[in-house]
Amino acid sequence: MFVLGPLITSRIRKNYASIVYKQETEETELVKSCLSKLVKANYLGKLIVEPRVKVLHDDATVALWMSLDQTLFVSIATLKLAEADEAKLALLVSHELAHYLMDH
């Protein structure tokens, strides 16, 4: 049984709650589209069932992670690093998906 994961997820959610973007932004839709395409193209629909996306209004920290409830958190700094380009973002998101799927 994994105990550390839920504890860390809970603490992260609490710490970042004040900087989460509204869900209807252009940035959020870009990440959702990218994640959806990656899940479909790699036949991950049985493993990544209902992923959610949260964009963090943090332009100083490059951050990207997926929590245990399949919420992908992405900072604005990460989107800037990817130049808001879907192909570049896909590379970063697919890397994070691999971490999530390998449970490490």
C-alpha atoms as a PDB file:
ATOM      1  CA  MET A   1       0.000   0.000   0.000  1.00  0.00           C
ATOM      2  CA  PHE A   2       1.286   3.459  -0.915  1.00  0.00           C
ATOM      3  CA  VAL A   3       0.982   5.918   1.966  1.00  0.00           C
ATOM      4  CA  LEU A   4       3.552   8.533   1.032  1.00  0.00           C
ATOM      5  CA  GLY A   5       1.958   9.376  -2.330  1.00  0.00           C
ATOM      6  CA  PRO A   6      -1.417  10.499  -0.951  1.00  0.00           C
ATOM      7  CA  LEU A   7       0.254  12.512   1.810  1.00  0.00           C
ATOM      8  CA  ILE A   8       2.488  14.341  -0.631  1.00  0.00           C
ATOM      9  CA  THR A   9      -0.403  14.896  -3.042  1.00  0.00           C
ATOM     10  CA  SER A  10      -2.510  16.364  -0.245  1.00  0.00           C
ATOM     11  CA  ARG A  11       0.267  18.730   0.850  1.00  0.00           C
ATOM     12  CA  ILE A  12       1.002  19.844  -2.696  1.00  0.00           C
ATOM     13  CA  ARG A  13      -2.667  20.552  -3.384  1.00  0.00           C
ATOM     14  CA  LYS A  14      -2.904  22.654  -0.245  1.00  0.00           C
ATOM     15  CA  ASN A  15       0.314  24.585  -0.980  1.00  0.00           C
ATOM     16  CA  TYR A  16      -0.573  25.330  -4.609  1.00  0.00           C
ATOM     17  CA  ALA A  17      -4.321  25.934  -4.200  1.00  0.00           C
ATOM     18  CA  SER A  18      -3.972  29.719  -4.351  1.00  0.00           C
ATOM     19  CA  ILE A  19      -2.136  29.716  -7.702  1.00  0.00           C
ATOM     20  CA  VAL A  20      -4.254  27.277  -9.740  1.00  0.00           C
ATOM     21  CA  TYR A  21      -5.626  28.825 -12.933  1.00  0.00           C
ATOM     22  CA  LYS A  22      -9.280  28.750 -13.840  1.00  0.00           C
ATOM     23  CA  GLN A  23      -9.984  25.699 -15.965  1.00  0.00           C
ATOM     24  CA  GLU A  24     -11.197  27.537 -19.070  1.00  0.00           C
ATOM     25  CA  THR A  25      -7.944  29.267 -20.013  1.00  0.00           C
ATOM     26  CA  GLU A  26      -6.088  28.888 -23.285  1.00  0.00           C
ATOM     27  CA  GLU A  27      -3.113  27.431 -21.390  1.00  0.00           C
ATOM     28  CA  THR A  28      -5.231  24.806 -19.675  1.00  0.00           C
ATOM     29  CA  GLU A  29      -6.911  23.808 -22.935  1.00  0.00           C
ATOM     30  CA  LEU A  30      -3.489  23.422 -24.601  1.00  0.00           C
ATOM     31  CA  VAL A  31      -2.314  21.041 -21.878  1.00  0.00           C
ATOM     32  CA  LYS A  32      -5.619  19.111 -21.896  1.00  0.00           C
ATOM     33  CA  SER A  33      -5.407  18.682 -25.658  1.00  0.00           C
ATOM     34  CA  CYS A  34      -1.805  17.530 -25.473  1.00  0.00           C
ATOM     35  CA  LEU A  35      -2.520  15.050 -22.677  1.00  0.00           C
ATOM     36  CA  SER A  36      -5.592  13.693 -24.454  1.00  0.00           C
ATOM     37  CA  LYS A  37      -3.653  13.113 -27.682  1.00  0.00           C
ATOM     38  CA  LEU A  38      -0.820  11.364 -25.833  1.00  0.00           C
ATOM     39  CA  VAL A  39      -3.218   9.060 -23.978  1.00  0.00           C
ATOM     40  CA  LYS A  40      -5.023   8.168 -27.202  1.00  0.00           C
ATOM     41  CA  ALA A  41      -1.894   7.746 -29.366  1.00  0.00           C
ATOM     42  CA  ASN A  42      -0.254   5.459 -26.811  1.00  0.00           C
ATOM     43  CA  TYR A  43      -3.354   3.383 -26.004  1.00  0.00           C
ATOM     44  CA  LEU A  44      -3.340   4.477 -22.357  1.00  0.00           C
ATOM     45  CA  GLY A  45      -7.100   4.859 -22.028  1.00  0.00           C
ATOM     46  CA  LYS A  46      -7.388   1.943 -19.601  1.00  0.00           C
ATOM     47  CA  LEU A  47      -4.642   3.348 -17.369  1.00  0.00           C
ATOM     48  CA  ILE A  48      -5.312   7.080 -17.610  1.00  0.00           C
ATOM     49  CA  VAL A  49      -9.092   7.104 -17.318  1.00  0.00           C
ATOM     50  CA  GLU A  50     -10.220  10.630 -16.457  1.00  0.00           C
ATOM     51  CA  PRO A  51      -7.155  12.853 -16.291  1.00  0.00           C
ATOM     52  CA  ARG A  52      -7.506  16.416 -15.101  1.00  0.00           C
ATOM     53  CA  VAL A  53      -5.228  19.377 -15.704  1.00  0.00           C
ATOM     54  CA  LYS A  54      -4.303  22.180 -13.336  1.00  0.00           C
ATOM     55  CA  VAL A  55      -2.152  25.040 -14.591  1.00  0.00           C
ATOM     56  CA  LEU A  56      -0.237  26.829 -11.852  1.00  0.00           C
ATOM     57  CA  HIS A  57       0.310  30.562 -12.001  1.00  0.00           C
ATOM     58  CA  ASP A  58       3.991  30.236 -11.168  1.00  0.00           C
ATOM     59  CA  ASP A  59       6.309  31.730 -13.742  1.00  0.00           C
ATOM     60  CA  ALA A  60       9.444  31.272 -11.628  1.00  0.00           C
ATOM     61  CA  THR A  61       9.409  27.485 -11.220  1.00  0.00           C
ATOM     62  CA  VAL A  62       9.426  24.896 -13.973  1.00  0.00           C
ATOM     63  CA  ALA A  63       7.126  22.259 -12.529  1.00  0.00           C
ATOM     64  CA  LEU A  64       5.216  19.342 -14.008  1.00  0.00           C
ATOM     65  CA  TRP A  65       3.846  16.312 -12.167  1.00  0.00           C
ATOM     66  CA  MET A  66       0.882  13.974 -12.095  1.00  0.00           C
ATOM     67  CA  SER A  67      -0.778  13.235  -8.778  1.00  0.00           C
ATOM     68  CA  LEU A  68      -2.270   9.901  -7.771  1.00  0.00           C
ATOM     69  CA  ASP A  69      -5.777  11.034  -8.760  1.00  0.00           C
ATOM     70  CA  GLN A  70      -4.501  11.593 -12.332  1.00  0.00           C
ATOM     71  CA  THR A  71      -4.363  15.363 -12.113  1.00  0.00           C
ATOM     72  CA  LEU A  72      -1.543  16.790 -14.202  1.00  0.00           C
ATOM     73  CA  PHE A  73      -0.085  19.961 -12.696  1.00  0.00           C
ATOM     74  CA  VAL A  74       1.839  22.267 -15.037  1.00  0.00           C
ATOM     75  CA  SER A  75       3.358  25.629 -14.183  1.00  0.00           C
ATOM     76  CA  ILE A  76       3.277  28.619 -16.488  1.00  0.00           C
ATOM     77  CA  ALA A  77       7.087  28.505 -16.451  1.00  0.00           C
ATOM     78  CA  THR A  78       6.878  25.029 -17.991  1.00  0.00           C
ATOM     79  CA  LEU A  79       4.597  26.315 -20.736  1.00  0.00           C
ATOM     80  CA  LYS A  80       7.023  29.160 -21.399  1.00  0.00           C
ATOM     81  CA  LEU A  81       9.891  26.659 -21.582  1.00  0.00           C
ATOM     82  CA  ALA A  82       7.895  24.709 -24.178  1.00  0.00           C
ATOM     83  CA  GLU A  83       7.099  28.008 -25.924  1.00  0.00           C
ATOM     84  CA  ALA A  84       3.404  27.029 -25.716  1.00  0.00           C
ATOM     85  CA  ASP A  85       4.149  24.628 -28.580  1.00  0.00           C
ATOM     86  CA  GLU A  86       2.139  21.413 -28.433  1.00  0.00           C
ATOM     87  CA  ALA A  87       4.966  19.219 -29.768  1.00  0.00           C
ATOM     88  CA  LYS A  88       7.458  20.536 -27.212  1.00  0.00           C
ATOM     89  CA  LEU A  89       4.889  20.271 -24.454  1.00  0.00           C
ATOM     90  CA  ALA A  90       4.123  16.688 -25.541  1.00  0.00           C
ATOM     91  CA  LEU A  91       7.739  15.731 -24.902  1.00  0.00           C
ATOM     92  CA  LEU A  92       7.559  17.074 -21.344  1.00  0.00           C
ATOM     93  CA  VAL A  93       4.118  15.617 -20.624  1.00  0.00           C
ATOM     94  CA  SER A  94       5.015  12.182 -22.018  1.00  0.00           C
ATOM     95  CA  HIS A  95       8.086  12.130 -19.786  1.00  0.00           C
ATOM     96  CA  GLU A  96       5.891  12.874 -16.777  1.00  0.00           C
ATOM     97  CA  LEU A  97       3.347  10.240 -17.847  1.00  0.00           C
ATOM     98  CA  ALA A  98       6.160   7.684 -17.882  1.00  0.00           C
ATOM     99  CA  HIS A  99       7.033   8.579 -14.278  1.00  0.00           C
ATOM    100  CA  TYR A 100       3.386   8.223 -13.279  1.00  0.00           C
ATOM    101  CA  LEU A 101       2.885   4.912 -15.087  1.00  0.00           C
ATOM    102  CA  MET A 102       6.121   3.450 -13.718  1.00  0.00           C
ATOM    103  CA  ASP A 103       5.079   4.581 -10.212  1.00  0.00           C
ATOM    104  CA  HIS A 104       8.276   6.455  -9.444  1.00  0.00           C
END
